[in-house]
């Protein structure tokens, strides 16, 4: 169906959320600045191609959010520096933390003053795995309309909270309750601090939904462990599996303000709130011009580069042709003058190429560390300090003015996240008691299911 108002056609905005078992679809139209719901449904991903083909004439624009497990959201605190240097520093941190298999975007959250030191900057990053993004893009290979925005599910939810007037500087969680997986995302202003998927048992197995409430409560406890001196003060609850029992259990266990998802203030023609997909609604509400976390698949980037190159070459060709015609017409240059002109241009290009080579060489630097610590003693002490359940992934050391400083990356895997936290505390205690290590600190912890990855910094004594 194509909507017509006073002689004008209104095609649909199609928003698709791939974060669940099925593809969640919401179509909306915007008339006189107001957003109105057309349809909201869920379909199997295998049926998406047929759906797009049958509805292509009604679609004006497509926006997509990807699976949660193929994304990351992380805030980095870095020294204040020039924007181009800051961008490179953020890229280095992302590669060190997640590898180089992700496309990511960043948002400067502003300065954070640290007592007794120079101001630092808080940089929010969101990324999606390149392979997953290409797979999403391939889903629309046969579609006449291609998505103009790919983003992450939490980034779309953040837009939704802002439009609902619920975004502030206090930590709050958005909970989506649905079978077979529920999820919770914790926000603090524009910062996405925690994402986690939770299982939801069938009604017959857990009639009071106490297991889900317990999982959410434990997630909030873990959040408090990861972000000291911060506490989630509000939970926004949504989902077609949300029940009164779940809401009451959360009120009793979590002790936070509970708000039921209510989108009527920002979208019209809603008959049943439970059928509205929050992620899709966030996609529909975002402003592409000011949105910071939109991604472009590599294959699409290459096509755009090729198209741009062809356009530039065509423009350059016609521009040069016009200049040659004007020059010949105005000055009647002979071939000798033209050869000299070309020689000058080539010489200038050669000079610029040589200068670029010099600049690239100026950017290369090397440092050589000569003195080395007693590696055998360090490795023996390290083996004694690592408890069962801890796996070490990497260990780096560098020499500073104050001695050898090191970083240790590893993972703790217990039967649940609480046990994993205890294991991390255990390895920190062992390092503190060691005669070789000092200034031991756990600087990073990240929950990945029941597994917790961590980073420990230390300095060698002596």
Protein backbone atom coordinates (compact mmCIF):
# COMPACT_ATOMS: atom_id res chain seq x y z
CA UNK A 1 0.00 0.00 0.00
CA UNK A 2 1.24 3.54 -0.85
CA UNK A 3 -0.29 6.29 1.31
CA UNK A 4 -1.54 9.41 -0.50
CA UNK A 5 -2.32 12.72 1.23
CA UNK A 6 -3.51 15.77 -0.76
CA UNK A 7 -2.06 14.42 -4.01
CA UNK A 8 1.30 13.37 -2.51
CA UNK A 9 2.61 9.82 -2.16
CA UNK A 10 4.09 8.63 1.14
CA UNK A 11 6.28 5.55 0.96
CA UNK A 12 7.37 3.51 3.97
CA UNK A 13 10.47 3.56 6.15
CA UNK A 14 11.42 -0.10 6.77
CA UNK A 15 13.38 -0.88 9.95
CA UNK A 16 14.77 -4.40 10.55
CA UNK A 17 16.30 -5.67 13.81
CA UNK A 18 18.38 -8.89 13.58
CA UNK A 19 19.18 -9.12 17.31
CA UNK A 20 16.67 -11.92 18.03
CA UNK A 21 15.83 -15.41 16.77
CA UNK A 22 13.74 -13.89 13.97
CA UNK A 23 14.02 -10.68 11.98
CA UNK A 24 11.87 -8.01 13.64
CA UNK A 25 10.28 -5.63 11.16
CA UNK A 26 8.56 -2.27 11.66
CA UNK A 27 7.27 -0.06 8.86
CA UNK A 28 6.37 3.56 9.51
CA UNK A 29 5.33 6.63 7.56
CA UNK A 30 5.93 10.27 8.36
CA UNK A 31 3.25 12.80 7.48
CA UNK A 32 3.51 16.46 8.48
CA UNK A 33 6.46 15.66 10.77
CA UNK A 34 4.61 13.00 12.78
CA UNK A 35 5.63 9.34 12.82
CA UNK A 36 2.84 6.81 12.33
CA UNK A 37 3.01 3.01 12.59
CA UNK A 38 2.05 1.00 9.51
CA UNK A 39 2.97 -2.56 10.47
CA UNK A 40 5.04 -4.48 13.03
CA UNK A 41 5.86 -8.18 12.63
CA UNK A 42 8.47 -10.93 12.98
CA UNK A 43 9.57 -13.26 10.16
CA UNK A 44 12.21 -15.92 9.61
CA UNK A 45 15.41 -14.53 8.11
CA UNK A 46 15.05 -17.00 5.24
CA UNK A 47 11.75 -15.34 4.27
CA UNK A 48 13.17 -11.80 4.24
CA UNK A 49 14.10 -11.83 0.55
CA UNK A 50 10.54 -12.69 -0.48
CA UNK A 51 9.17 -10.00 1.86
CA UNK A 52 11.47 -7.33 0.38
CA UNK A 53 10.59 -8.31 -3.18
CA UNK A 54 6.84 -8.20 -2.58
CA UNK A 55 6.99 -4.84 -0.76
CA UNK A 56 9.72 -3.05 -2.75
CA UNK A 57 7.29 -0.58 -4.33
CA UNK A 58 6.16 0.65 -0.91
CA UNK A 59 9.67 1.03 0.58
CA UNK A 60 11.53 4.33 0.43
CA UNK A 61 14.35 3.64 2.91
CA UNK A 62 15.77 0.70 4.91
CA UNK A 63 17.59 0.83 8.27
CA UNK A 64 19.15 -2.22 9.96
CA UNK A 65 20.55 -3.19 13.38
CA UNK A 66 22.70 -6.32 13.71
CA UNK A 67 23.01 -9.28 16.12
CA UNK A 68 24.14 -8.37 19.63
CA UNK A 69 26.83 -11.07 19.86
CA UNK A 70 28.82 -9.63 16.94
CA UNK A 71 29.14 -6.13 18.38
CA UNK A 72 31.03 -4.27 21.11
CA UNK A 73 30.43 -1.07 23.09
CA UNK A 74 33.31 0.33 25.11
CA UNK A 75 34.33 3.67 26.63
CA UNK A 76 38.02 4.52 26.60
CA UNK A 77 39.67 7.17 28.78
CA UNK A 78 42.61 8.75 26.96
CA UNK A 79 44.85 11.79 27.47
CA UNK A 80 43.63 14.99 25.83
CA UNK A 81 45.29 15.47 22.43
CA UNK A 82 44.63 16.76 18.92
CA UNK A 83 41.67 15.19 17.13
CA UNK A 84 43.71 13.30 14.51
CA UNK A 85 46.05 11.90 17.17
CA UNK A 86 43.10 11.04 19.40
CA UNK A 87 41.45 9.11 16.58
CA UNK A 88 44.62 7.07 16.07
CA UNK A 89 44.93 6.42 19.81
CA UNK A 90 41.33 5.16 19.96
CA UNK A 91 41.96 2.86 17.00
CA UNK A 92 45.01 1.40 18.76
CA UNK A 93 42.97 0.78 21.93
CA UNK A 94 40.16 -0.91 19.98
CA UNK A 95 42.60 -3.20 18.16
CA UNK A 96 44.34 -4.07 21.43
CA UNK A 97 41.00 -4.81 23.14
CA UNK A 98 39.00 -6.52 20.37
CA UNK A 99 41.39 -7.20 17.47
CA UNK A 100 41.19 -5.74 13.97
CA UNK A 101 38.14 -7.67 12.74
CA UNK A 102 35.70 -4.87 13.62
CA UNK A 103 34.46 -1.71 11.99
CA UNK A 104 33.85 0.90 14.66
CA UNK A 105 32.75 4.50 15.18
CA UNK A 106 33.53 6.81 18.09
CA UNK A 107 31.88 9.67 19.99
CA UNK A 108 33.76 12.16 22.16
CA UNK A 109 31.86 12.40 25.46
CA UNK A 110 33.99 15.35 26.61
CA UNK A 111 36.72 16.02 29.13
CA UNK A 112 37.00 14.22 32.45
CA UNK A 113 39.19 16.13 34.92
CA UNK A 114 41.47 13.95 37.04
CA UNK A 115 42.83 15.37 40.31
CA UNK A 116 46.55 16.14 40.10
CA UNK A 117 46.81 15.34 36.40
CA UNK A 118 45.96 16.72 32.99
CA UNK A 119 42.36 16.35 31.76
CA UNK A 120 41.47 13.10 30.03
CA UNK A 121 38.83 12.50 27.38
CA UNK A 122 36.06 9.90 27.48
CA UNK A 123 35.55 8.31 24.07
CA UNK A 124 32.52 6.07 23.49
CA UNK A 125 33.05 3.44 20.78
CA UNK A 126 30.66 1.01 19.13
CA UNK A 127 31.73 -1.64 16.65
CA UNK A 128 30.39 -4.50 14.58
CA UNK A 129 32.32 -7.47 13.22
CA UNK A 130 33.28 -6.96 9.56
CA UNK A 131 32.18 -10.48 8.58
CA UNK A 132 28.80 -10.08 10.30
CA UNK A 133 28.29 -6.71 8.62
CA UNK A 134 29.06 -8.18 5.20
CA UNK A 135 26.59 -11.02 5.88
CA UNK A 136 23.92 -8.46 6.75
CA UNK A 137 24.71 -6.54 3.58
CA UNK A 138 24.51 -9.74 1.49
CA UNK A 139 20.98 -10.29 2.82
CA UNK A 140 19.91 -7.32 0.71
CA UNK A 141 21.95 -8.24 -2.39
CA UNK A 142 18.82 -8.89 -4.48
CA UNK A 143 16.77 -6.05 -2.99
CA UNK A 144 16.06 -3.01 -5.17
CA UNK A 145 16.37 -0.79 -2.10
CA UNK A 146 19.61 -1.09 -0.10
CA UNK A 147 19.92 -0.17 3.60
CA UNK A 148 21.35 3.31 4.14
CA UNK A 149 22.10 2.68 7.84
CA UNK A 150 23.63 -0.36 9.56
CA UNK A 151 24.09 -0.02 13.33
CA UNK A 152 24.04 -1.98 16.59
CA UNK A 153 20.94 -2.86 18.60
CA UNK A 154 22.00 -0.92 21.75
CA UNK A 155 22.78 2.19 19.67
CA UNK A 156 19.21 2.11 18.32
CA UNK A 157 17.81 1.68 21.86
CA UNK A 158 19.81 4.72 22.99
CA UNK A 159 18.06 6.86 20.37
CA UNK A 160 14.71 5.52 21.59
CA UNK A 161 15.43 6.47 25.22
CA UNK A 162 16.41 10.00 24.14
CA UNK A 163 13.18 10.43 22.16
CA UNK A 164 11.14 9.10 25.11
CA UNK A 165 12.80 11.70 27.37
CA UNK A 166 14.32 8.99 29.59
CA UNK A 167 18.00 9.59 28.83
CA UNK A 168 19.95 11.28 31.64
CA UNK A 169 23.31 11.07 33.43
CA UNK A 170 22.11 8.41 35.89
CA UNK A 171 22.67 4.73 34.98
CA UNK A 172 19.50 3.01 33.79
CA UNK A 173 18.70 -0.29 32.14
CA UNK A 174 16.47 -1.17 29.19
CA UNK A 175 15.11 -4.71 29.54
CA UNK A 176 13.49 -6.60 26.64
CA UNK A 177 11.65 -9.73 27.79
CA UNK A 178 10.95 -12.31 25.09
CA UNK A 179 11.28 -16.06 24.44
CA UNK A 180 13.74 -17.68 24.22
CA UNK A 181 16.21 -14.86 24.95
CA UNK A 182 15.78 -11.66 26.88
CA UNK A 183 18.35 -8.89 27.13
CA UNK A 184 19.38 -5.95 29.29
CA UNK A 185 21.37 -2.90 28.17
CA UNK A 186 22.64 -0.36 30.72
CA UNK A 187 23.06 3.26 29.61
CA UNK A 188 24.48 6.34 31.28
CA UNK A 189 23.62 9.34 29.14
CA UNK A 190 25.17 8.74 25.73
CA UNK A 191 27.37 5.96 27.12
CA UNK A 192 26.47 2.29 26.51
CA UNK A 193 28.04 0.61 29.54
CA UNK A 194 26.79 -3.00 29.60
CA UNK A 195 24.93 -5.43 27.33
CA UNK A 196 23.84 -8.93 28.27
CA UNK A 197 21.48 -11.60 26.93
CA UNK A 198 19.46 -13.63 29.44
CA UNK A 199 17.52 -16.90 29.01
CA UNK A 200 13.78 -16.83 29.73
CA UNK A 201 12.28 -20.12 30.93
CA UNK A 202 8.89 -21.35 29.73
CA UNK A 203 5.88 -20.33 31.85
CA UNK A 204 5.30 -23.92 33.03
CA UNK A 205 8.89 -24.29 34.31
CA UNK A 206 9.07 -20.89 36.03
CA UNK A 207 5.50 -19.64 36.65
CA UNK A 208 6.61 -16.69 38.79
CA UNK A 209 9.50 -15.75 36.45
CA UNK A 210 11.81 -15.60 39.47
CA UNK A 211 14.79 -16.98 37.49
CA UNK A 212 14.75 -14.07 35.06
CA UNK A 213 14.40 -11.53 37.88
CA UNK A 214 17.35 -13.18 39.62
CA UNK A 215 19.47 -13.01 36.46
CA UNK A 216 18.68 -9.32 36.02
CA UNK A 217 19.47 -8.65 39.69
CA UNK A 218 22.82 -10.46 39.38
CA UNK A 219 23.57 -8.43 36.26
CA UNK A 220 22.97 -5.23 38.21
CA UNK A 221 25.33 -6.49 40.94
CA UNK A 222 27.98 -7.19 38.34
CA UNK A 223 27.44 -3.69 36.92
CA UNK A 224 28.13 -2.24 40.37
CA UNK A 225 31.32 -4.32 40.53
CA UNK A 226 32.43 -3.10 37.09
CA UNK A 227 31.49 0.54 37.74
CA UNK A 228 32.22 1.36 41.40
CA UNK A 229 30.21 4.19 42.99
CA UNK A 230 27.52 3.83 40.30
CA UNK A 231 24.10 2.20 40.61
CA UNK A 232 21.27 1.55 38.17
CA UNK A 233 18.33 3.64 39.37
CA UNK A 234 15.72 2.81 36.73
CA UNK A 235 14.65 -0.11 34.55
CA UNK A 236 12.53 0.38 31.42
CA UNK A 237 10.69 -2.90 30.72
CA UNK A 238 9.41 -3.98 27.29
CA UNK A 239 8.66 -7.16 25.35
CA UNK A 240 5.71 -9.33 24.40
CA UNK A 241 6.60 -11.83 27.17
CA UNK A 242 6.54 -9.25 29.97
CA UNK A 243 4.11 -10.18 32.77
CA UNK A 244 2.95 -8.68 36.05
CA UNK A 245 4.86 -11.40 37.93
CA UNK A 246 8.14 -10.41 36.26
CA UNK A 247 7.61 -6.72 37.05
CA UNK A 248 6.79 -7.42 40.71
CA UNK A 249 9.76 -9.77 41.11
CA UNK A 250 12.07 -7.09 39.72
CA UNK A 251 10.63 -4.44 42.05
CA UNK A 252 11.28 -6.68 45.05
CA UNK A 253 14.75 -7.96 44.08
CA UNK A 254 16.33 -4.97 42.31
CA UNK A 255 14.84 -2.16 44.37
CA UNK A 256 14.82 0.27 41.43
CA UNK A 257 12.21 2.39 39.67
CA UNK A 258 10.29 0.34 37.08
CA UNK A 259 8.91 2.04 33.96
CA UNK A 260 6.85 0.11 31.43
CA UNK A 261 7.74 0.85 27.81
CA UNK A 262 5.13 3.29 26.47
CA UNK A 263 5.79 4.64 22.96
CA UNK A 264 2.39 6.33 22.42
CA UNK A 265 3.89 9.79 22.96
CA UNK A 266 6.17 9.53 19.92
CA UNK A 267 4.30 7.31 17.44
CA UNK A 268 0.65 7.13 16.41
CA UNK A 269 -1.77 4.35 15.53
CA UNK A 270 -0.55 1.84 18.14
CA UNK A 271 -3.14 -0.74 19.12
CA UNK A 272 -0.90 -3.11 21.13
CA UNK A 273 2.34 -1.96 22.81
CA UNK A 274 3.63 -5.52 23.16
CA UNK A 275 3.91 -5.81 19.37
CA UNK A 276 6.20 -2.79 19.05
CA UNK A 277 9.87 -3.70 18.59
CA UNK A 278 11.95 -1.15 20.54
CA UNK A 279 15.07 -1.61 18.42
CA UNK A 280 13.10 -1.00 15.21
CA UNK A 281 11.42 2.04 16.71
CA UNK A 282 14.83 3.45 17.67
CA UNK A 283 15.97 2.97 14.06
CA UNK A 284 12.89 4.81 12.80
CA UNK A 285 13.47 7.75 15.16
CA UNK A 286 17.19 8.34 14.59
CA UNK A 287 18.43 11.32 12.58
CA UNK A 288 20.99 10.09 10.00
CA UNK A 289 22.66 13.51 9.94
CA UNK A 290 23.54 13.51 13.65
CA UNK A 291 23.77 9.76 14.31
CA UNK A 292 27.29 8.70 15.33
CA UNK A 293 27.20 4.90 15.13
CA UNK A 294 26.27 4.11 11.52
CA UNK A 295 28.43 1.57 9.65
CA UNK A 296 29.14 1.03 5.95
CA UNK A 297 30.10 -2.51 4.82
CA UNK A 298 33.50 -2.80 3.15
CA UNK A 299 31.95 -4.02 -0.11
CA UNK A 300 29.68 -0.96 -0.19
CA UNK A 301 32.65 1.31 0.56
CA UNK A 302 34.53 -0.16 -2.40
CA UNK A 303 31.55 0.42 -4.71
CA UNK A 304 31.26 4.02 -3.50
CA UNK A 305 35.00 4.56 -4.00
CA UNK A 306 34.78 3.17 -7.54
CA UNK A 307 31.76 5.34 -8.38
CA UNK A 308 33.45 8.39 -6.88
CA UNK A 309 36.65 7.65 -8.78
CA UNK A 310 34.78 7.33 -12.07
CA UNK A 311 32.98 10.61 -11.38
CA UNK A 312 36.22 12.38 -10.47
CA UNK A 313 38.01 11.01 -13.53
CA UNK A 314 35.14 12.08 -15.78
CA UNK A 315 35.06 15.54 -14.23
CA UNK A 316 38.84 15.82 -14.47
CA UNK A 317 38.79 14.71 -18.10
CA UNK A 318 36.17 17.24 -19.15
CA UNK A 319 37.82 19.93 -17.03
CA UNK A 320 41.20 19.33 -18.64
CA UNK A 321 39.61 19.20 -22.08
CA UNK A 322 37.89 22.52 -21.47
CA UNK A 323 41.11 24.10 -20.20
CA UNK A 324 43.05 22.85 -23.25
CA UNK A 325 40.42 24.25 -25.62
CA UNK A 326 40.39 27.62 -23.84
CA UNK A 327 44.19 27.80 -23.75
CA UNK A 328 44.51 26.96 -27.44
CA UNK A 329 41.75 29.39 -28.35
CA UNK A 330 43.11 32.27 -26.23
CA UNK A 331 46.89 31.96 -26.47
CA UNK A 332 47.43 29.73 -29.55
CA UNK A 333 50.10 27.69 -27.76
CA UNK A 334 52.46 25.75 -29.99
CA UNK A 335 53.49 22.16 -29.29
CA UNK A 336 56.80 23.22 -27.82
CA UNK A 337 55.12 25.40 -25.21
CA UNK A 338 52.70 22.58 -24.42
CA UNK A 339 55.59 20.12 -23.96
CA UNK A 340 57.32 22.58 -21.63
CA UNK A 341 54.10 23.02 -19.65
CA UNK A 342 53.69 19.26 -19.32
CA UNK A 343 57.32 18.94 -18.24
CA UNK A 344 56.77 21.51 -15.52
CA UNK A 345 53.71 19.68 -14.26
CA UNK A 346 55.60 16.37 -14.21
CA UNK A 347 58.48 18.00 -12.35
CA UNK A 348 56.10 19.44 -9.77
CA UNK A 349 54.42 16.04 -9.33
CA UNK A 350 57.85 14.40 -8.94
CA UNK A 351 58.82 16.96 -6.27
CA UNK A 352 55.60 16.29 -4.36
CA UNK A 353 56.15 12.52 -4.60
CA UNK A 354 59.69 12.88 -3.22
CA UNK A 355 58.42 15.09 -0.41
CA UNK A 356 55.72 12.53 0.49
CA UNK A 357 58.41 9.81 0.71
CA UNK A 358 60.45 12.02 3.05
CA UNK A 359 57.40 12.68 5.22
CA UNK A 360 56.57 8.97 5.43
CA UNK A 361 60.16 8.25 6.55
CA UNK A 362 59.93 10.97 9.20
CA UNK A 363 56.94 9.18 10.74
CA UNK A 364 58.90 5.94 11.41
CA UNK A 365 60.65 5.55 14.79
CA UNK A 366 62.34 2.65 16.59
CA UNK A 367 63.24 2.01 20.21
CA UNK A 368 65.66 -0.70 21.44
CA UNK A 369 65.50 -2.02 24.98
CA UNK A 370 68.91 -3.38 26.11
CA UNK A 371 68.64 -4.55 29.71
CA UNK A 372 66.46 -7.57 30.37
CA UNK A 373 64.98 -8.95 33.62
CA UNK A 374 65.45 -12.57 34.83
CA UNK A 375 62.76 -14.20 32.71
CA UNK A 376 63.08 -17.67 34.27
CA UNK A 377 62.34 -16.35 37.78
CA UNK A 378 59.42 -14.29 36.50
CA UNK A 379 57.84 -17.23 34.65
CA UNK A 380 58.21 -19.54 37.67
CA UNK A 381 56.62 -16.94 39.96
CA UNK A 382 53.88 -16.34 37.40
CA UNK A 383 53.06 -20.07 37.26
CA UNK A 384 52.77 -20.15 41.06
CA UNK A 385 50.52 -17.08 41.16
CA UNK A 386 47.91 -18.29 38.65
CA UNK A 387 45.09 -20.32 40.30
CA UNK A 388 43.06 -23.08 38.66
CA UNK A 389 40.31 -21.63 36.47
CA UNK A 390 42.47 -18.79 35.16
CA UNK A 391 43.86 -18.87 31.63
CA UNK A 392 46.51 -16.34 30.59
CA UNK A 393 46.27 -14.90 27.07
CA UNK A 394 49.22 -12.51 26.86
CA UNK A 395 51.91 -10.84 28.94
CA UNK A 396 53.84 -7.72 27.95
CA UNK A 397 56.64 -5.82 29.69
CA UNK A 398 58.39 -2.57 28.93
CA UNK A 399 61.15 -0.65 30.65
CA UNK A 400 60.37 2.80 32.06
CA UNK A 401 62.39 5.26 34.12
CA UNK A 402 61.07 3.64 37.29
CA UNK A 403 61.81 0.07 36.21
CA UNK A 404 60.07 -2.73 34.33
CA UNK A 405 56.27 -2.36 34.04
CA UNK A 406 54.03 -5.04 32.67
CA UNK A 407 50.49 -5.90 31.59
CA UNK A 408 48.83 -9.29 31.90
CA UNK A 409 45.72 -10.29 29.94
CA UNK A 410 43.71 -13.33 30.89
CA UNK A 411 40.30 -14.86 31.48
CA UNK A 412 38.57 -16.45 34.47
CA UNK A 413 35.97 -19.11 33.82
CA UNK A 414 33.93 -20.43 36.72
CA UNK A 415 30.49 -22.05 36.96
CA UNK A 416 28.99 -18.53 37.16
CA UNK A 417 30.12 -14.92 36.93
CA UNK A 418 30.39 -14.52 40.73
CA UNK A 419 32.90 -17.40 40.96
CA UNK A 420 34.80 -15.91 38.03
CA UNK A 421 35.03 -12.59 39.91
CA UNK A 422 36.46 -14.43 42.94
CA UNK A 423 39.09 -16.07 40.70
CA UNK A 424 40.16 -12.65 39.38
CA UNK A 425 40.47 -11.36 42.97
CA UNK A 426 42.53 -14.47 43.81
CA UNK A 427 45.15 -13.89 41.13
CA UNK A 428 45.39 -10.23 42.20
CA UNK A 429 46.03 -11.31 45.83
CA UNK A 430 48.71 -13.81 44.70
CA UNK A 431 50.48 -11.09 42.74
CA UNK A 432 50.38 -8.74 45.76
CA UNK A 433 51.97 -11.43 47.96
CA UNK A 434 54.71 -12.24 45.43
CA UNK A 435 58.30 -11.04 46.18
CA UNK A 436 58.76 -10.10 42.50
CA UNK A 437 55.71 -7.89 41.81
CA UNK A 438 54.50 -4.57 43.20
CA UNK A 439 51.88 -1.91 42.35
CA UNK A 440 49.49 -4.68 41.23
CA UNK A 441 46.13 -3.43 39.91
CA UNK A 442 43.21 -4.99 38.06
CA UNK A 443 42.48 -2.22 35.56
CA UNK A 444 39.91 -3.90 33.32
CA UNK A 445 37.17 -6.51 33.74
CA UNK A 446 34.63 -7.58 31.15
CA UNK A 447 31.79 -10.09 31.47
CA UNK A 448 31.37 -12.54 28.57
CA UNK A 449 28.65 -14.91 29.73
CA UNK A 450 30.06 -16.76 32.77
CA UNK A 451 33.58 -15.89 31.65
CA UNK A 452 35.38 -12.71 32.76
CA UNK A 453 38.31 -11.27 30.85
CA UNK A 454 40.69 -9.03 32.78
CA UNK A 455 43.81 -6.93 32.59
CA UNK A 456 46.38 -6.66 35.42
CA UNK A 457 49.14 -4.04 35.51
CA UNK A 458 52.24 -4.47 37.72
CA UNK A 459 55.85 -3.44 38.23
CA UNK A 460 58.88 -5.62 38.95
CA UNK A 461 60.57 -5.00 42.29
CA UNK A 462 64.22 -3.97 42.41
